[in-house]
């Protein structure tokens, strides 16, 4: 924009300058020529009274020298004697002498002025004054040079002013664009200082109002999530009491473990909702599975007063092991066979534990939601040179339209949210997601996470053994 404004100013000012320079240059040349010709005619007219008084050659030469130091004045006497070097054509002299006509016209090499003078005895003398071309254009080039310098100064000044104005506009636009990118990256404290033209100032004010309102709405939403989650404490307390009454029965230990796990998850949700607004890789606040909420990195590269931030990082195999153990309790209650196969190689990816846990819960939760009790499923984590693969498969009816299943709200009886969570998590790391049919007949979902940058060049030992576990079907 800055260059465009300077170019427009250069073009407009140049056209204006040319529209004045061309006529002014022609006018200056015309004025100089007119002044030279008028001066020549006046010198010739001034010598005429001298001829009426005397025709003595020495007196006439003295008078002509006094009027014209360049000796361009020539006197043609009636006896055909010429005092000086004549430049006038013979025919033009005869015309002026015989017709007694004053002549002033262009001739080769300059301008000629002929002034006839009638002497006593009806004799005619002609005064000639020749003006060479250099006299007709004397001072024209200097005048043109001055006008050209003035035009260049005018054009340069207008371009400089336009560039300064453009720089102010561009600076305001860049700051507004940078603030928009920073806000989009999750720094909700981003604001701009309105500056520049009125339109950009209004845009800056509107941006600040939008960011403030966005922060308010997100805070309200998070408070609502925390409040709704808090309401679950009442039925959770009832479950605690029920489990206590079941003490001594075979089911009491499993129910108590499930209640404790549910309480831990509920507490984590409430804590995450109460943390300061920040955005993680998948669009929500990140927290550690053991230590609770952690602050998020802002666009300026800091986590607040505690110091610089680091990218989230978690071991996929460890998170999958913990979450599968949680679901295994419910699987045993529904008579589902569940197998777990984990690699022993490092499986660090650039996501938080919560993000990985959300993916595992979404995929295993779909098995429980869309397959009948007793349907077996398997979870596997494998490591390749550049990625970690999480595979969840079951022996249920499968997914008839895999491509459509990835769209939210498009699947019959499902919102599509779980698969979308897994797809977005994989995309954050640069991975992908595939849906196919499992060998056992059900769905086969593979989520590929790109390894953390520090592990992409590493590869575990060949033939490394895997950690495996299984939960047999209840008999």
Protein backbone atom coordinates (compact mmCIF):
# COMPACT_ATOMS: atom_id res chain seq x y z
CA UNK A 1 0.00 0.00 0.00
CA UNK A 2 2.81 2.39 0.87
CA UNK A 3 4.46 1.90 -2.53
CA UNK A 4 1.12 2.24 -4.30
CA UNK A 5 0.34 5.55 -2.62
CA UNK A 6 3.80 6.89 -3.50
CA UNK A 7 3.31 5.73 -7.10
CA UNK A 8 -0.07 7.45 -7.34
CA UNK A 9 1.39 10.68 -5.96
CA UNK A 10 4.30 10.46 -8.41
CA UNK A 11 1.99 9.92 -11.40
CA UNK A 12 -0.50 12.66 -10.48
CA UNK A 13 2.12 15.26 -9.60
CA UNK A 14 4.15 14.47 -12.72
CA UNK A 15 1.11 14.97 -14.93
CA UNK A 16 0.30 18.27 -13.20
CA UNK A 17 3.92 19.43 -13.51
CA UNK A 18 4.05 18.54 -17.21
CA UNK A 19 0.76 20.31 -17.87
CA UNK A 20 2.36 23.50 -16.53
CA UNK A 21 5.95 23.03 -17.73
CA UNK A 22 5.18 22.59 -21.43
CA UNK A 23 3.09 25.79 -21.86
CA UNK A 24 5.41 27.75 -19.56
CA UNK A 25 8.45 26.67 -21.56
CA UNK A 26 6.81 27.76 -24.83
CA UNK A 27 5.72 31.04 -23.25
CA UNK A 28 9.24 31.80 -22.03
CA UNK A 29 10.69 31.17 -25.49
CA UNK A 30 8.04 33.38 -27.09
CA UNK A 31 8.64 36.22 -24.61
CA UNK A 32 12.42 36.14 -25.09
CA UNK A 33 12.02 36.20 -28.87
CA UNK A 34 9.49 39.03 -28.73
CA UNK A 35 11.72 41.08 -26.43
CA UNK A 36 14.73 40.63 -28.76
CA UNK A 37 12.75 41.61 -31.86
CA UNK A 38 11.18 44.63 -30.13
CA UNK A 39 14.61 45.80 -28.96
CA UNK A 40 15.94 45.50 -32.54
CA UNK A 41 13.02 47.49 -33.92
CA UNK A 42 13.54 50.18 -31.28
CA UNK A 43 17.24 50.50 -32.13
CA UNK A 44 16.40 50.86 -35.80
CA UNK A 45 13.74 53.48 -35.03
CA UNK A 46 16.18 55.39 -32.80
CA UNK A 47 18.71 55.72 -35.64
CA UNK A 48 16.13 57.15 -38.09
CA UNK A 49 16.31 60.78 -36.73
CA UNK A 50 20.07 60.74 -37.17
CA UNK A 51 19.66 59.92 -40.90
CA UNK A 52 17.32 62.86 -41.36
CA UNK A 53 20.02 65.18 -40.04
CA UNK A 54 23.15 63.81 -41.73
CA UNK A 55 24.30 61.13 -44.12
CA UNK A 56 27.97 61.41 -43.14
CA UNK A 57 29.24 57.80 -42.89
CA UNK A 58 31.53 58.46 -39.91
CA UNK A 59 28.74 60.11 -37.92
CA UNK A 60 26.32 57.33 -38.79
CA UNK A 61 28.82 54.63 -37.79
CA UNK A 62 29.38 56.37 -34.47
CA UNK A 63 25.64 56.64 -33.82
CA UNK A 64 25.05 52.97 -34.79
CA UNK A 65 27.87 51.81 -32.52
CA UNK A 66 26.32 53.71 -29.65
CA UNK A 67 22.97 51.99 -30.18
CA UNK A 68 24.25 48.47 -30.89
CA UNK A 69 27.60 47.33 -29.59
CA UNK A 70 27.27 44.05 -31.46
CA UNK A 71 27.41 45.99 -34.73
CA UNK A 72 24.26 44.39 -36.08
CA UNK A 73 22.95 47.77 -37.20
CA UNK A 74 23.57 48.32 -40.92
CA UNK A 75 22.64 51.50 -42.83
CA UNK A 76 21.85 51.27 -46.53
CA UNK A 77 22.22 54.80 -48.06
CA UNK A 78 20.38 55.91 -51.21
CA UNK A 79 23.63 55.79 -53.25
CA UNK A 80 23.80 52.01 -52.67
CA UNK A 81 26.48 52.43 -50.05
CA UNK A 82 26.10 50.11 -47.00
CA UNK A 83 27.60 50.94 -43.66
CA UNK A 84 28.23 47.49 -42.04
CA UNK A 85 27.91 43.83 -42.94
CA UNK A 86 24.43 43.26 -44.28
CA UNK A 87 22.53 40.01 -43.58
CA UNK A 88 19.35 40.96 -45.45
CA UNK A 89 18.48 39.34 -48.77
CA UNK A 90 18.68 41.71 -51.80
CA UNK A 91 15.03 41.27 -52.71
CA UNK A 92 13.96 42.08 -49.18
CA UNK A 93 16.06 45.30 -49.27
CA UNK A 94 14.61 46.37 -52.61
CA UNK A 95 11.11 45.72 -51.27
CA UNK A 96 11.71 47.86 -48.20
CA UNK A 97 13.40 50.65 -50.20
CA UNK A 98 11.04 50.81 -53.12
CA UNK A 99 7.85 50.11 -51.23
CA UNK A 100 8.93 52.15 -48.22
CA UNK A 101 7.65 49.26 -46.04
CA UNK A 102 8.88 48.29 -42.58
CA UNK A 103 9.77 44.60 -42.60
CA UNK A 104 10.36 42.30 -39.62
CA UNK A 105 10.57 38.58 -40.34
CA UNK A 106 12.51 35.39 -39.87
CA UNK A 107 15.49 34.75 -42.05
CA UNK A 108 18.06 31.96 -42.13
CA UNK A 109 20.24 32.32 -39.04
CA UNK A 110 18.10 34.85 -37.18
CA UNK A 111 15.57 37.64 -37.43
CA UNK A 112 15.83 40.69 -39.75
CA UNK A 113 14.29 44.12 -39.14
CA UNK A 114 14.27 46.67 -42.01
CA UNK A 115 13.20 50.28 -41.33
CA UNK A 116 12.99 52.66 -44.36
CA UNK A 117 13.79 56.36 -43.77
CA UNK A 118 12.77 59.04 -46.29
CA UNK A 119 15.53 61.64 -46.77
CA UNK A 120 15.33 65.08 -48.31
CA UNK A 121 14.97 64.93 -52.08
CA UNK A 122 12.62 61.97 -51.84
CA UNK A 123 15.50 59.62 -51.33
CA UNK A 124 15.07 56.46 -49.22
CA UNK A 125 17.61 54.94 -46.86
CA UNK A 126 17.05 51.61 -45.07
CA UNK A 127 18.18 50.79 -41.55
CA UNK A 128 18.82 47.07 -41.07
CA UNK A 129 19.06 45.36 -37.67
CA UNK A 130 19.79 41.63 -37.64
CA UNK A 131 19.14 39.52 -34.54
CA UNK A 132 20.94 36.13 -34.59
CA UNK A 133 19.27 32.96 -33.29
CA UNK A 134 21.36 32.90 -30.13
CA UNK A 135 20.00 36.34 -29.24
CA UNK A 136 16.44 35.11 -29.81
CA UNK A 137 16.88 32.25 -27.29
CA UNK A 138 19.21 33.90 -24.78
CA UNK A 139 18.22 32.90 -21.21
CA UNK A 140 15.62 30.34 -22.35
CA UNK A 141 17.62 27.26 -21.27
CA UNK A 142 18.36 28.78 -17.88
CA UNK A 143 14.66 29.50 -17.36
CA UNK A 144 13.77 25.96 -18.42
CA UNK A 145 16.34 24.53 -15.98
CA UNK A 146 14.88 26.57 -13.09
CA UNK A 147 11.35 25.43 -13.91
CA UNK A 148 12.51 21.81 -14.21
CA UNK A 149 14.21 21.94 -10.80
CA UNK A 150 11.06 23.42 -9.28
CA UNK A 151 8.96 20.65 -10.86
CA UNK A 152 11.32 17.95 -9.58
CA UNK A 153 11.16 19.45 -6.10
CA UNK A 154 7.38 19.56 -6.26
CA UNK A 155 7.13 15.94 -7.41
CA UNK A 156 9.68 14.76 -4.85
CA UNK A 157 7.93 16.61 -2.05
CA UNK A 158 4.52 15.18 -2.95
CA UNK A 159 5.95 11.64 -3.13
CA UNK A 160 7.63 12.11 0.26
CA UNK A 161 4.41 13.37 1.85
CA UNK A 162 2.42 10.50 0.29
CA UNK A 163 5.02 8.01 1.53
CA UNK A 164 4.80 9.36 5.08
CA UNK A 165 1.01 9.19 5.02
CA UNK A 166 1.16 5.71 3.52
CA UNK A 167 3.64 4.58 6.16
CA UNK A 168 1.25 5.66 8.88
CA UNK A 169 -1.64 3.78 7.26
CA UNK A 170 0.48 0.67 6.66
CA UNK A 171 1.80 0.72 10.22
CA UNK A 172 -1.73 0.87 11.59
CA UNK A 173 -2.89 -1.93 9.27
CA UNK A 174 0.08 -4.15 10.19
CA UNK A 175 -0.50 -3.69 13.91
CA UNK A 176 -4.17 -4.55 13.50
CA UNK A 177 -3.32 -7.64 11.44
CA UNK A 178 -0.68 -8.78 13.95
CA UNK A 179 -3.12 -8.33 16.80
CA UNK A 180 -5.70 -10.40 14.92
CA UNK A 181 -3.19 -13.23 14.38
CA UNK A 182 -2.11 -13.08 18.02
CA UNK A 183 -5.72 -13.22 19.19
CA UNK A 184 -6.36 -16.14 16.86
CA UNK A 185 -3.39 -17.99 18.36
CA UNK A 186 -4.94 -17.77 21.81
CA UNK A 187 -3.57 -14.63 23.48
CA UNK A 188 -6.87 -13.22 24.72
CA UNK A 189 -5.15 -10.21 26.31
CA UNK A 190 -4.21 -8.83 22.89
CA UNK A 191 -5.34 -5.25 22.28
CA UNK A 192 -4.38 -2.58 19.75
CA UNK A 193 -3.84 1.14 20.09
CA UNK A 194 -6.20 2.85 17.60
CA UNK A 195 -4.13 4.98 15.24
CA UNK A 196 -3.99 6.14 11.64
CA UNK A 197 -6.96 7.39 9.57
CA UNK A 198 -10.43 7.52 11.10
CA UNK A 199 -11.49 4.27 9.43
CA UNK A 200 -8.51 2.37 10.87
CA UNK A 201 -9.03 3.94 14.29
CA UNK A 202 -12.65 2.79 14.22
CA UNK A 203 -11.47 -0.70 13.20
CA UNK A 204 -9.02 -0.73 16.13
CA UNK A 205 -11.74 0.31 18.59
CA UNK A 206 -14.05 -2.37 17.19
CA UNK A 207 -11.28 -4.98 17.48
CA UNK A 208 -10.67 -4.12 21.15
CA UNK A 209 -14.39 -4.31 21.87
CA UNK A 210 -14.62 -7.66 20.10
CA UNK A 211 -11.64 -9.08 22.01
CA UNK A 212 -13.05 -7.84 25.32
CA UNK A 213 -16.46 -9.31 24.58
CA UNK A 214 -14.89 -12.59 23.45
CA UNK A 215 -13.00 -12.83 26.74
CA UNK A 216 -16.19 -12.15 28.68
CA UNK A 217 -18.16 -14.78 26.75
CA UNK A 218 -15.45 -17.40 27.19
CA UNK A 219 -15.24 -16.64 30.91
CA UNK A 220 -19.01 -16.97 31.22
CA UNK A 221 -18.93 -20.24 29.29
CA UNK A 222 -16.16 -21.66 31.46
CA UNK A 223 -18.01 -20.64 34.62
CA UNK A 224 -21.10 -22.37 33.27
CA UNK A 225 -19.10 -25.54 32.60
CA UNK A 226 -17.68 -25.43 36.10
CA UNK A 227 -21.14 -24.88 37.61
CA UNK A 228 -22.68 -27.69 35.60
CA UNK A 229 -19.84 -30.00 36.54
CA UNK A 230 -20.23 -29.01 40.17
CA UNK A 231 -23.85 -30.11 40.09
CA UNK A 232 -22.69 -33.66 39.47
CA UNK A 233 -21.18 -33.76 42.94
CA UNK A 234 -24.61 -34.46 44.48
CA UNK A 235 -25.31 -37.69 42.54
CA UNK A 236 -21.63 -38.58 42.98
CA UNK A 237 -22.06 -38.33 46.75
CA UNK A 238 -25.07 -40.61 46.49
CA UNK A 239 -22.94 -43.14 44.63
CA UNK A 240 -20.38 -42.94 47.42
CA UNK A 241 -23.05 -43.75 49.97
CA UNK A 242 -24.38 -46.57 47.85
CA UNK A 243 -20.90 -48.06 47.50
CA UNK A 244 -20.44 -47.89 51.24
CA UNK A 245 -23.67 -49.78 51.77
CA UNK A 246 -22.39 -52.40 49.33
CA UNK A 247 -19.25 -52.93 51.39
CA UNK A 248 -18.38 -56.59 51.65
CA UNK A 249 -19.97 -57.57 48.34
CA UNK A 250 -17.89 -58.63 45.28
CA UNK A 251 -19.05 -55.61 43.31
CA UNK A 252 -18.21 -52.99 45.96
CA UNK A 253 -14.51 -52.69 45.07
CA UNK A 254 -15.22 -52.13 41.38
CA UNK A 255 -17.99 -49.63 42.09
CA UNK A 256 -15.79 -47.73 44.55
CA UNK A 257 -12.93 -47.63 42.02
CA UNK A 258 -15.27 -46.35 39.31
CA UNK A 259 -16.67 -43.68 41.64
CA UNK A 260 -13.19 -42.51 42.58
CA UNK A 261 -12.16 -42.34 38.93
CA UNK A 262 -15.30 -40.37 38.08
CA UNK A 263 -14.66 -38.00 40.96
CA UNK A 264 -11.07 -37.42 39.78
CA UNK A 265 -12.25 -36.61 36.26
CA UNK A 266 -14.96 -34.31 37.56
CA UNK A 267 -12.47 -32.46 39.73
CA UNK A 268 -10.12 -32.09 36.77
CA UNK A 269 -12.93 -30.63 34.64
CA UNK A 270 -13.87 -28.11 37.31
CA UNK A 271 -10.23 -27.12 37.84
CA UNK A 272 -9.62 -26.70 34.13
CA UNK A 273 -12.75 -24.58 33.78
CA UNK A 274 -11.61 -22.33 36.65
CA UNK A 275 -8.14 -21.70 35.22
CA UNK A 276 -7.39 -18.37 33.45
CA UNK A 277 -8.52 -18.25 29.87
CA UNK A 278 -5.92 -19.67 27.50
CA UNK A 279 -5.94 -21.82 24.44
CA UNK A 280 -3.94 -24.98 23.85
CA UNK A 281 -3.19 -26.82 20.63
CA UNK A 282 -6.67 -28.32 20.35
CA UNK A 283 -8.50 -25.15 21.32
CA UNK A 284 -8.91 -25.69 25.07
CA UNK A 285 -6.86 -25.27 28.24
CA UNK A 286 -4.30 -27.98 28.98
CA UNK A 287 -3.64 -29.56 32.34
CA UNK A 288 -1.38 -32.24 33.69
CA UNK A 289 -2.98 -35.55 34.59
CA UNK A 290 -1.35 -35.56 38.01
CA UNK A 291 -0.73 -31.92 38.89
CA UNK A 292 -3.92 -30.35 37.60
CA UNK A 293 -4.23 -27.15 35.54
CA UNK A 294 -1.15 -25.53 34.08
CA UNK A 295 -0.96 -22.09 32.45
CA UNK A 296 -0.89 -21.81 28.72
CA UNK A 297 1.64 -20.17 26.46
CA UNK A 298 0.55 -16.93 24.99
CA UNK A 299 1.48 -15.53 21.63
CA UNK A 300 4.30 -13.57 23.19
CA UNK A 301 6.07 -16.76 24.23
CA UNK A 302 5.49 -16.68 27.97
CA UNK A 303 3.25 -18.35 30.48
CA UNK A 304 2.84 -15.33 32.69
CA UNK A 305 4.98 -14.46 35.65
CA UNK A 306 6.46 -17.92 36.00
CA UNK A 307 8.67 -17.71 32.94
CA UNK A 308 8.82 -18.97 29.36
CA UNK A 309 6.49 -21.69 28.15
CA UNK A 310 7.25 -25.02 26.59
CA UNK A 311 5.30 -27.02 24.06
CA UNK A 312 3.01 -29.66 25.62
CA UNK A 313 4.42 -33.15 25.49
CA UNK A 314 3.06 -36.49 26.63
CA UNK A 315 3.72 -40.21 26.25
CA UNK A 316 0.90 -41.73 24.24
CA UNK A 317 1.50 -45.24 25.55
CA UNK A 318 1.26 -44.15 29.20
CA UNK A 319 -1.95 -42.20 28.68
CA UNK A 320 -3.51 -45.05 26.68
CA UNK A 321 -2.60 -47.51 29.43
CA UNK A 322 -4.27 -45.41 32.12
CA UNK A 323 -7.41 -44.67 30.14
CA UNK A 324 -7.82 -48.26 28.97
CA UNK A 325 -7.58 -49.44 32.59
CA UNK A 326 -10.37 -47.02 33.43
CA UNK A 327 -12.62 -48.36 30.64
CA UNK A 328 -11.72 -51.97 31.48
CA UNK A 329 -13.89 -51.79 34.61
CA UNK A 330 -16.96 -50.98 32.55
CA UNK A 331 -15.93 -53.52 29.91
CA UNK A 332 -15.87 -56.26 32.51
CA UNK A 333 -19.32 -55.26 33.71
CA UNK A 334 -20.66 -55.49 30.14
CA UNK A 335 -18.92 -58.81 29.48
CA UNK A 336 -16.60 -57.29 26.84
CA UNK A 337 -13.20 -58.78 26.10
CA UNK A 338 -10.60 -55.99 26.01
CA UNK A 339 -7.00 -56.36 24.89
CA UNK A 340 -4.19 -53.81 25.11
CA UNK A 341 -0.94 -53.86 23.13
CA UNK A 342 1.63 -51.11 23.85
CA UNK A 343 5.05 -50.51 22.38
CA UNK A 344 8.03 -50.11 24.69
CA UNK A 345 9.60 -47.44 22.49
CA UNK A 346 9.24 -43.73 23.36
CA UNK A 347 5.93 -42.34 22.12
CA UNK A 348 6.19 -38.64 22.99
CA UNK A 349 4.02 -36.29 20.92
CA UNK A 350 3.39 -32.54 21.08
CA UNK A 351 0.04 -32.78 22.84
CA UNK A 352 -1.01 -32.63 26.48
CA UNK A 353 -2.10 -35.69 28.44
CA UNK A 354 -5.64 -34.36 28.43
CA UNK A 355 -5.68 -34.15 24.62
CA UNK A 356 -4.50 -37.74 24.27
CA UNK A 357 -6.94 -38.88 26.96
CA UNK A 358 -9.78 -37.13 25.12
CA UNK A 359 -8.92 -39.06 21.96
CA UNK A 360 -8.76 -42.42 23.77
CA UNK A 361 -12.03 -41.75 25.63
CA UNK A 362 -13.75 -40.69 22.40
CA UNK A 363 -12.68 -43.82 20.48
CA UNK A 364 -13.37 -46.34 23.28
CA UNK A 365 -16.55 -44.51 24.22
CA UNK A 366 -17.82 -45.00 20.68
CA UNK A 367 -17.31 -48.75 21.09
CA UNK A 368 -19.51 -48.78 24.20
CA UNK A 369 -22.08 -46.45 22.61
CA UNK A 370 -22.49 -48.12 19.22
CA UNK A 371 -21.87 -51.81 19.86
CA UNK A 372 -23.98 -54.20 21.97
CA UNK A 373 -22.69 -55.49 25.33
CA UNK A 374 -20.35 -58.43 24.94
CA UNK A 375 -18.63 -56.94 21.87
CA UNK A 376 -14.87 -57.34 22.18
CA UNK A 377 -12.45 -54.53 21.34
CA UNK A 378 -8.69 -54.05 21.21
CA UNK A 379 -6.40 -51.06 21.73
CA UNK A 380 -2.90 -50.92 20.26
CA UNK A 381 -0.13 -48.32 20.27
CA UNK A 382 2.67 -48.79 17.72
CA UNK A 383 5.73 -46.69 16.93
CA UNK A 384 7.14 -45.94 13.48
CA UNK A 385 10.17 -43.88 12.52
CA UNK A 386 8.24 -40.61 12.43
CA UNK A 387 4.90 -41.25 14.12
CA UNK A 388 2.90 -43.02 16.80
CA UNK A 389 -0.15 -45.02 15.74
CA UNK A 390 -3.13 -45.50 18.05
CA UNK A 391 -5.44 -48.26 16.82
CA UNK A 392 -8.85 -49.07 18.27
CA UNK A 393 -10.83 -51.89 16.71
CA UNK A 394 -13.87 -53.88 17.69
CA UNK A 395 -15.92 -56.84 16.53
CA UNK A 396 -19.16 -54.89 16.23
CA UNK A 397 -21.17 -53.95 13.13
CA UNK A 398 -18.53 -51.44 11.95
CA UNK A 399 -18.97 -47.98 10.38
CA UNK A 400 -20.89 -48.15 7.07
CA UNK A 401 -19.83 -44.68 5.80
CA UNK A 402 -16.34 -43.85 7.14
CA UNK A 403 -16.00 -40.52 5.31
CA UNK A 404 -19.36 -39.26 6.49
CA UNK A 405 -18.64 -40.36 10.05
CA UNK A 406 -15.96 -37.67 10.37
CA UNK A 407 -18.53 -34.86 9.99
CA UNK A 408 -20.24 -33.62 13.10
CA UNK A 409 -23.97 -34.35 13.25
CA UNK A 410 -24.01 -36.24 9.94
CA UNK A 411 -24.08 -39.78 11.28
CA UNK A 412 -27.36 -41.37 12.23
CA UNK A 413 -27.64 -41.66 16.00
CA UNK A 414 -24.29 -39.93 16.57
CA UNK A 415 -23.04 -36.35 16.75
CA UNK A 416 -19.72 -37.24 15.12
CA UNK A 417 -17.96 -35.26 17.84
CA UNK A 418 -15.77 -38.12 19.12
CA UNK A 419 -14.19 -38.91 15.77
CA UNK A 420 -13.78 -35.20 15.06
CA UNK A 421 -11.88 -34.76 18.34
CA UNK A 422 -9.50 -37.55 17.33
CA UNK A 423 -9.05 -36.15 13.82
CA UNK A 424 -8.28 -32.65 15.09
CA UNK A 425 -5.80 -33.95 17.65
CA UNK A 426 -3.94 -35.86 14.95
CA UNK A 427 -3.97 -32.81 12.65
CA UNK A 428 -2.45 -30.62 15.38
CA UNK A 429 0.69 -32.78 15.39
CA UNK A 430 0.75 -33.09 11.59
CA UNK A 431 -0.75 -36.59 11.60
CA UNK A 432 -3.93 -38.10 10.20
CA UNK A 433 -6.81 -40.45 10.89
CA UNK A 434 -8.09 -43.48 8.98
CA UNK A 435 -11.28 -45.52 9.32
CA UNK A 436 -11.48 -49.03 7.90
CA UNK A 437 -13.03 -52.43 8.61
CA UNK A 438 -11.33 -54.55 11.25
CA UNK A 439 -10.34 -58.18 10.55
CA UNK A 440 -12.81 -59.23 13.22
CA UNK A 441 -15.59 -57.46 11.30
CA UNK A 442 -16.07 -54.21 13.18
CA UNK A 443 -14.57 -50.74 12.96
CA UNK A 444 -10.80 -50.26 12.67
CA UNK A 445 -9.78 -46.69 13.53
CA UNK A 446 -6.15 -45.59 13.26
CA UNK A 447 -5.03 -42.23 14.63
CA UNK A 448 -1.52 -41.23 13.57
CA UNK A 449 0.33 -38.69 15.75
CA UNK A 450 3.58 -37.19 14.49
CA UNK A 451 6.39 -37.69 16.97
CA UNK A 452 7.70 -34.80 19.00
CA UNK A 453 10.55 -33.02 17.14
CA UNK A 454 13.20 -34.40 19.49
CA UNK A 455 12.22 -38.02 18.68
CA UNK A 456 11.71 -37.84 14.92
CA UNK A 457 15.30 -38.77 14.19
CA UNK A 458 15.37 -41.55 16.79
CA UNK A 459 14.25 -45.12 16.44
CA UNK A 460 13.95 -47.71 19.18
CA UNK A 461 15.86 -51.00 19.17
CA UNK A 462 14.82 -53.49 16.55
CA UNK A 463 12.41 -56.11 17.68
CA UNK A 464 11.58 -54.32 20.91
CA UNK A 465 8.98 -56.17 22.88
CA UNK A 466 5.64 -54.70 23.72
CA UNK A 467 3.73 -54.43 26.92
CA UNK A 468 0.44 -56.21 26.56
CA UNK A 469 -2.54 -56.70 28.74
CA UNK A 470 -5.98 -58.22 28.44
CA UNK A 471 -9.18 -58.37 30.37
CA UNK A 472 -11.07 -61.65 29.79
CA UNK A 473 -14.76 -61.77 29.23
CA UNK A 474 -16.68 -62.30 32.41
CA UNK A 475 -17.93 -65.82 32.82
